[in-house]
């Protein structure tokens, strides 16, 4: 079965590097390393984890002969705190509400949501004002939410609606580049070395 373009855009590859047991939550964290230069693509594919939100993912071995063989092929018992989404067990996510809708979106649709939320973030409004407007244009005052939204539309969507980020790859690329630069500038994301 050939993956659709939507499915291909949600795939990243890396190296299984480590794991960590979280006894207080009865979970195993699997650590997959990707080159730092590909962090933007990883966030585009997976979205950004938010507090209280889980993003369902799948992990598959790309080359079964590489590295050590798996210890067991027996499935682990499901814990009672897991939910089902579209017939799949996806972890401890809420069964209704905004978090579930966000987790069920494609990465491009998640970017549209983040574009709307960014304009509400005061740090982003300060950042975008100082970056895009000459000091004489804003006189020391920062963009309000509407002005920040207008700047996102102007910079990423040629002045069109932010919802087109999910429909036009060039708009998505522009938004992800802007969002990545903002996150690096405010210290939420590591800079490539």
C-alpha atoms as a PDB file:
ATOM      1  CA  UNK A   1       0.000   0.000   0.000  1.00  0.00           C
ATOM      2  CA  UNK A   2       1.522   3.305  -1.105  1.00  0.00           C
ATOM      3  CA  UNK A   3       1.272   6.138   1.449  1.00  0.00           C
ATOM      4  CA  UNK A   4      -0.666   9.218   0.419  1.00  0.00           C
ATOM      5  CA  UNK A   5       1.125  12.624   0.280  1.00  0.00           C
ATOM      6  CA  UNK A   6      -0.580  13.488   3.580  1.00  0.00           C
ATOM      7  CA  UNK A   7       0.820  10.305   5.195  1.00  0.00           C
ATOM      8  CA  UNK A   8       4.299  10.808   3.709  1.00  0.00           C
ATOM      9  CA  UNK A   9       4.476  14.330   5.160  1.00  0.00           C
ATOM     10  CA  UNK A  10       3.919  12.883   8.635  1.00  0.00           C
ATOM     11  CA  UNK A  11       6.912  10.521   8.511  1.00  0.00           C
ATOM     12  CA  UNK A  12      10.370  11.161   9.919  1.00  0.00           C
ATOM     13  CA  UNK A  13      13.299   8.797  10.330  1.00  0.00           C
ATOM     14  CA  UNK A  14      15.999   8.702  12.944  1.00  0.00           C
ATOM     15  CA  UNK A  15      17.988   6.324  15.124  1.00  0.00           C
ATOM     16  CA  UNK A  16      16.664   4.525  18.176  1.00  0.00           C
ATOM     17  CA  UNK A  17      19.184   5.843  20.679  1.00  0.00           C
ATOM     18  CA  UNK A  18      17.910   5.097  24.159  1.00  0.00           C
ATOM     19  CA  UNK A  19      14.918   4.492  26.370  1.00  0.00           C
ATOM     20  CA  UNK A  20      13.778   5.608  29.773  1.00  0.00           C
ATOM     21  CA  UNK A  21      11.387   4.003  32.228  1.00  0.00           C
ATOM     22  CA  UNK A  22       9.045   6.427  33.978  1.00  0.00           C
ATOM     23  CA  UNK A  23       7.935   4.381  36.941  1.00  0.00           C
ATOM     24  CA  UNK A  24       5.599   7.024  38.364  1.00  0.00           C
ATOM     25  CA  UNK A  25       3.551   6.907  35.144  1.00  0.00           C
ATOM     26  CA  UNK A  26       4.180   3.247  34.246  1.00  0.00           C
ATOM     27  CA  UNK A  27       5.443   4.128  30.772  1.00  0.00           C
ATOM     28  CA  UNK A  28       8.528   3.557  28.652  1.00  0.00           C
ATOM     29  CA  UNK A  29       9.893   6.575  26.774  1.00  0.00           C
ATOM     30  CA  UNK A  30      11.598   5.674  23.491  1.00  0.00           C
ATOM     31  CA  UNK A  31      14.246   8.171  22.421  1.00  0.00           C
ATOM     32  CA  UNK A  32      14.775   8.589  18.681  1.00  0.00           C
ATOM     33  CA  UNK A  33      17.571  10.895  17.555  1.00  0.00           C
ATOM     34  CA  UNK A  34      17.431  12.909  14.335  1.00  0.00           C
ATOM     35  CA  UNK A  35      20.012  15.371  13.014  1.00  0.00           C
ATOM     36  CA  UNK A  36      19.390  18.854  14.409  1.00  0.00           C
ATOM     37  CA  UNK A  37      19.192  20.192  10.859  1.00  0.00           C
ATOM     38  CA  UNK A  38      15.980  18.166  10.468  1.00  0.00           C
ATOM     39  CA  UNK A  39      14.224  19.471  13.583  1.00  0.00           C
ATOM     40  CA  UNK A  40      11.910  21.689  11.543  1.00  0.00           C
ATOM     41  CA  UNK A  41      10.836  18.716   9.432  1.00  0.00           C
ATOM     42  CA  UNK A  42      10.303  16.648  12.582  1.00  0.00           C
ATOM     43  CA  UNK A  43       8.047  19.297  14.102  1.00  0.00           C
ATOM     44  CA  UNK A  44       6.243  19.695  10.782  1.00  0.00           C
ATOM     45  CA  UNK A  45       5.611  15.954  10.692  1.00  0.00           C
ATOM     46  CA  UNK A  46       4.776  15.416  14.353  1.00  0.00           C
ATOM     47  CA  UNK A  47       3.538  18.773  15.572  1.00  0.00           C
ATOM     48  CA  UNK A  48       4.559  20.258  18.910  1.00  0.00           C
ATOM     49  CA  UNK A  49       3.783  18.511  22.168  1.00  0.00           C
ATOM     50  CA  UNK A  50       1.783  20.742  24.463  1.00  0.00           C
ATOM     51  CA  UNK A  51       1.330  20.295  28.206  1.00  0.00           C
ATOM     52  CA  UNK A  52      -1.464  17.819  28.822  1.00  0.00           C
ATOM     53  CA  UNK A  53      -1.563  16.758  25.171  1.00  0.00           C
ATOM     54  CA  UNK A  54      -0.228  13.587  23.645  1.00  0.00           C
ATOM     55  CA  UNK A  55       0.444  13.160  19.928  1.00  0.00           C
ATOM     56  CA  UNK A  56      -0.186   9.593  18.755  1.00  0.00           C
ATOM     57  CA  UNK A  57       2.728   8.215  16.727  1.00  0.00           C
ATOM     58  CA  UNK A  58       3.909   4.861  15.460  1.00  0.00           C
ATOM     59  CA  UNK A  59       7.473   3.564  15.612  1.00  0.00           C
ATOM     60  CA  UNK A  60       8.765   1.061  13.063  1.00  0.00           C
ATOM     61  CA  UNK A  61      12.153  -0.458  12.404  1.00  0.00           C
ATOM     62  CA  UNK A  62      13.366   0.595   8.945  1.00  0.00           C
ATOM     63  CA  UNK A  63      16.015  -2.116   8.586  1.00  0.00           C
ATOM     64  CA  UNK A  64      15.151  -5.260  10.572  1.00  0.00           C
ATOM     65  CA  UNK A  65      18.717  -6.574  10.245  1.00  0.00           C
ATOM     66  CA  UNK A  66      20.380  -3.455  11.696  1.00  0.00           C
ATOM     67  CA  UNK A  67      21.290  -3.484  15.386  1.00  0.00           C
ATOM     68  CA  UNK A  68      20.138  -5.988  17.946  1.00  0.00           C
ATOM     69  CA  UNK A  69      17.121  -8.181  17.418  1.00  0.00           C
ATOM     70  CA  UNK A  70      14.033  -7.340  19.452  1.00  0.00           C
ATOM     71  CA  UNK A  71      13.732  -9.385  22.640  1.00  0.00           C
ATOM     72  CA  UNK A  72      10.117 -10.368  22.121  1.00  0.00           C
ATOM     73  CA  UNK A  73       7.392 -10.082  19.573  1.00  0.00           C
ATOM     74  CA  UNK A  74       4.680 -10.626  22.186  1.00  0.00           C
ATOM     75  CA  UNK A  75       2.458  -7.571  22.627  1.00  0.00           C
ATOM     76  CA  UNK A  76       2.528  -5.932  26.029  1.00  0.00           C
ATOM     77  CA  UNK A  77      -0.720  -5.826  27.996  1.00  0.00           C
ATOM     78  CA  UNK A  78      -2.684  -2.611  27.582  1.00  0.00           C
ATOM     79  CA  UNK A  79      -2.907  -0.365  30.625  1.00  0.00           C
ATOM     80  CA  UNK A  80      -6.316   0.742  31.804  1.00  0.00           C
ATOM     81  CA  UNK A  81      -5.538   4.426  31.139  1.00  0.00           C
ATOM     82  CA  UNK A  82      -5.433   4.124  27.374  1.00  0.00           C
ATOM     83  CA  UNK A  83      -7.985   5.581  24.984  1.00  0.00           C
ATOM     84  CA  UNK A  84      -8.975   4.520  21.487  1.00  0.00           C
ATOM     85  CA  UNK A  85      -9.001   6.796  18.473  1.00  0.00           C
ATOM     86  CA  UNK A  86     -10.218   5.520  15.120  1.00  0.00           C
ATOM     87  CA  UNK A  87      -9.941   1.965  16.453  1.00  0.00           C
ATOM     88  CA  UNK A  88      -6.316   2.372  17.619  1.00  0.00           C
ATOM     89  CA  UNK A  89      -4.924   2.515  21.135  1.00  0.00           C
ATOM     90  CA  UNK A  90      -3.159   5.845  21.439  1.00  0.00           C
ATOM     91  CA  UNK A  91      -2.272   6.343  25.084  1.00  0.00           C
ATOM     92  CA  UNK A  92      -3.825   8.469  27.788  1.00  0.00           C
ATOM     93  CA  UNK A  93      -5.505  11.118  25.675  1.00  0.00           C
ATOM     94  CA  UNK A  94      -8.899  12.594  26.426  1.00  0.00           C
ATOM     95  CA  UNK A  95     -11.741  11.060  24.446  1.00  0.00           C
ATOM     96  CA  UNK A  96     -13.335  14.399  23.609  1.00  0.00           C
ATOM     97  CA  UNK A  97     -12.348  18.017  23.320  1.00  0.00           C
ATOM     98  CA  UNK A  98      -9.801  20.311  21.784  1.00  0.00           C
ATOM     99  CA  UNK A  99      -6.767  18.179  22.602  1.00  0.00           C
ATOM    100  CA  UNK A 100      -8.198  15.171  20.790  1.00  0.00           C
ATOM    101  CA  UNK A 101      -9.169  17.280  17.770  1.00  0.00           C
ATOM    102  CA  UNK A 102      -5.659  18.770  17.644  1.00  0.00           C
ATOM    103  CA  UNK A 103      -4.018  15.343  17.928  1.00  0.00           C
ATOM    104  CA  UNK A 104      -6.236  14.015  15.127  1.00  0.00           C
ATOM    105  CA  UNK A 105      -5.251  16.832  12.725  1.00  0.00           C
ATOM    106  CA  UNK A 106      -2.619  16.542  10.021  1.00  0.00           C
ATOM    107  CA  UNK A 107       0.638  18.396  10.714  1.00  0.00           C
ATOM    108  CA  UNK A 108      -0.423  21.143   8.276  1.00  0.00           C
ATOM    109  CA  UNK A 109      -3.772  21.555  10.038  1.00  0.00           C
ATOM    110  CA  UNK A 110      -1.944  21.712  13.364  1.00  0.00           C
ATOM    111  CA  UNK A 111       0.210  24.500  11.889  1.00  0.00           C
ATOM    112  CA  UNK A 112      -2.955  26.504  11.112  1.00  0.00           C
ATOM    113  CA  UNK A 113      -4.011  26.149  14.742  1.00  0.00           C
ATOM    114  CA  UNK A 114      -0.579  27.222  15.956  1.00  0.00           C
ATOM    115  CA  UNK A 115      -0.637  30.215  13.574  1.00  0.00           C
ATOM    116  CA  UNK A 116      -3.854  31.377  15.228  1.00  0.00           C
ATOM    117  CA  UNK A 117      -2.454  30.794  18.717  1.00  0.00           C
ATOM    118  CA  UNK A 118       0.865  32.546  18.002  1.00  0.00           C
ATOM    119  CA  UNK A 119      -0.857  35.881  17.488  1.00  0.00           C
ATOM    120  CA  UNK A 120      -2.164  35.598  21.077  1.00  0.00           C
ATOM    121  CA  UNK A 121       1.341  35.055  22.516  1.00  0.00           C
ATOM    122  CA  UNK A 122       2.779  38.337  23.823  1.00  0.00           C
ATOM    123  CA  UNK A 123       6.352  37.077  23.303  1.00  0.00           C
ATOM    124  CA  UNK A 124       5.551  36.434  19.651  1.00  0.00           C
ATOM    125  CA  UNK A 125       3.947  39.868  19.269  1.00  0.00           C
ATOM    126  CA  UNK A 126       7.099  41.500  20.670  1.00  0.00           C
ATOM    127  CA  UNK A 127       9.318  39.343  18.458  1.00  0.00           C
ATOM    128  CA  UNK A 128       7.383  39.893  15.226  1.00  0.00           C
ATOM    129  CA  UNK A 129       7.066  43.643  15.845  1.00  0.00           C
ATOM    130  CA  UNK A 130      10.786  44.127  16.445  1.00  0.00           C
ATOM    131  CA  UNK A 131      11.685  41.856  13.550  1.00  0.00           C
ATOM    132  CA  UNK A 132       9.300  43.160  10.893  1.00  0.00           C
ATOM    133  CA  UNK A 133       8.545  46.789  11.672  1.00  0.00           C
ATOM    134  CA  UNK A 134      10.995  49.677  11.827  1.00  0.00           C
ATOM    135  CA  UNK A 135      11.033  51.280  15.287  1.00  0.00           C
ATOM    136  CA  UNK A 136       9.500  54.463  13.850  1.00  0.00           C
ATOM    137  CA  UNK A 137       6.482  52.457  12.663  1.00  0.00           C
ATOM    138  CA  UNK A 138       5.534  51.139  16.074  1.00  0.00           C
ATOM    139  CA  UNK A 139       7.022  53.835  18.330  1.00  0.00           C
ATOM    140  CA  UNK A 140       7.995  51.374  21.068  1.00  0.00           C
ATOM    141  CA  UNK A 141       4.519  49.794  21.237  1.00  0.00           C
ATOM    142  CA  UNK A 142       4.144  46.183  20.255  1.00  0.00           C
ATOM    143  CA  UNK A 143       1.661  44.696  17.831  1.00  0.00           C
ATOM    144  CA  UNK A 144      -1.698  43.719  19.247  1.00  0.00           C
ATOM    145  CA  UNK A 145      -3.258  40.333  18.477  1.00  0.00           C
ATOM    146  CA  UNK A 146      -4.928  41.509  15.252  1.00  0.00           C
ATOM    147  CA  UNK A 147      -1.763  43.204  13.985  1.00  0.00           C
ATOM    148  CA  UNK A 148       0.286  40.083  14.748  1.00  0.00           C
ATOM    149  CA  UNK A 149      -2.263  37.967  12.858  1.00  0.00           C
ATOM    150  CA  UNK A 150      -2.029  40.407   9.927  1.00  0.00           C
ATOM    151  CA  UNK A 151       1.768  40.115   9.963  1.00  0.00           C
ATOM    152  CA  UNK A 152       1.535  36.297   9.896  1.00  0.00           C
ATOM    153  CA  UNK A 153      -0.861  36.517   6.932  1.00  0.00           C
ATOM    154  CA  UNK A 154       1.431  38.972   5.157  1.00  0.00           C
ATOM    155  CA  UNK A 155       4.671  37.064   5.760  1.00  0.00           C
ATOM    156  CA  UNK A 156       3.424  33.509   5.307  1.00  0.00           C
ATOM    157  CA  UNK A 157       0.281  33.643   3.187  1.00  0.00           C
ATOM    158  CA  UNK A 158       0.738  36.606   0.800  1.00  0.00           C
ATOM    159  CA  UNK A 159      -1.956  38.432   2.788  1.00  0.00           C
ATOM    160  CA  UNK A 160      -4.458  35.584   2.477  1.00  0.00           C
ATOM    161  CA  UNK A 161      -6.183  33.586   5.213  1.00  0.00           C
ATOM    162  CA  UNK A 162      -3.992  31.558   7.588  1.00  0.00           C
ATOM    163  CA  UNK A 163      -6.151  28.501   6.897  1.00  0.00           C
ATOM    164  CA  UNK A 164      -4.369  28.260   3.524  1.00  0.00           C
ATOM    165  CA  UNK A 165      -1.270  27.126   5.452  1.00  0.00           C
ATOM    166  CA  UNK A 166      -2.892  23.678   5.420  1.00  0.00           C
ATOM    167  CA  UNK A 167      -3.556  23.826   1.687  1.00  0.00           C
ATOM    168  CA  UNK A 168      -0.507  25.435   0.090  1.00  0.00           C
ATOM    169  CA  UNK A 169       2.905  23.881   0.759  1.00  0.00           C
ATOM    170  CA  UNK A 170       4.750  27.173   0.192  1.00  0.00           C
ATOM    171  CA  UNK A 171       2.633  28.851   2.894  1.00  0.00           C
ATOM    172  CA  UNK A 172       3.266  25.962   5.273  1.00  0.00           C
ATOM    173  CA  UNK A 173       7.014  26.164   4.610  1.00  0.00           C
ATOM    174  CA  UNK A 174       7.038  29.917   5.278  1.00  0.00           C
ATOM    175  CA  UNK A 175       5.052  29.524   8.483  1.00  0.00           C
ATOM    176  CA  UNK A 176       7.252  26.689   9.773  1.00  0.00           C
ATOM    177  CA  UNK A 177      10.401  28.705   9.014  1.00  0.00           C
ATOM    178  CA  UNK A 178       8.994  31.743  10.850  1.00  0.00           C
ATOM    179  CA  UNK A 179       7.766  29.648  13.785  1.00  0.00           C
ATOM    180  CA  UNK A 180      11.117  27.830  14.027  1.00  0.00           C
ATOM    181  CA  UNK A 181      13.035  31.130  14.007  1.00  0.00           C
ATOM    182  CA  UNK A 182      10.759  32.542  16.726  1.00  0.00           C
ATOM    183  CA  UNK A 183      11.183  29.428  18.888  1.00  0.00           C
ATOM    184  CA  UNK A 184      14.970  29.557  18.483  1.00  0.00           C
ATOM    185  CA  UNK A 185      15.082  33.288  19.263  1.00  0.00           C
ATOM    186  CA  UNK A 186      13.069  32.894  22.488  1.00  0.00           C
ATOM    187  CA  UNK A 187      14.943  29.739  23.554  1.00  0.00           C
ATOM    188  CA  UNK A 188      12.149  27.183  23.049  1.00  0.00           C
ATOM    189  CA  UNK A 189      14.125  25.297  20.388  1.00  0.00           C
ATOM    190  CA  UNK A 190      17.812  24.547  20.029  1.00  0.00           C
ATOM    191  CA  UNK A 191      19.739  26.254  17.271  1.00  0.00           C
ATOM    192  CA  UNK A 192      21.582  24.062  14.759  1.00  0.00           C
ATOM    193  CA  UNK A 193      25.329  23.941  15.395  1.00  0.00           C
END
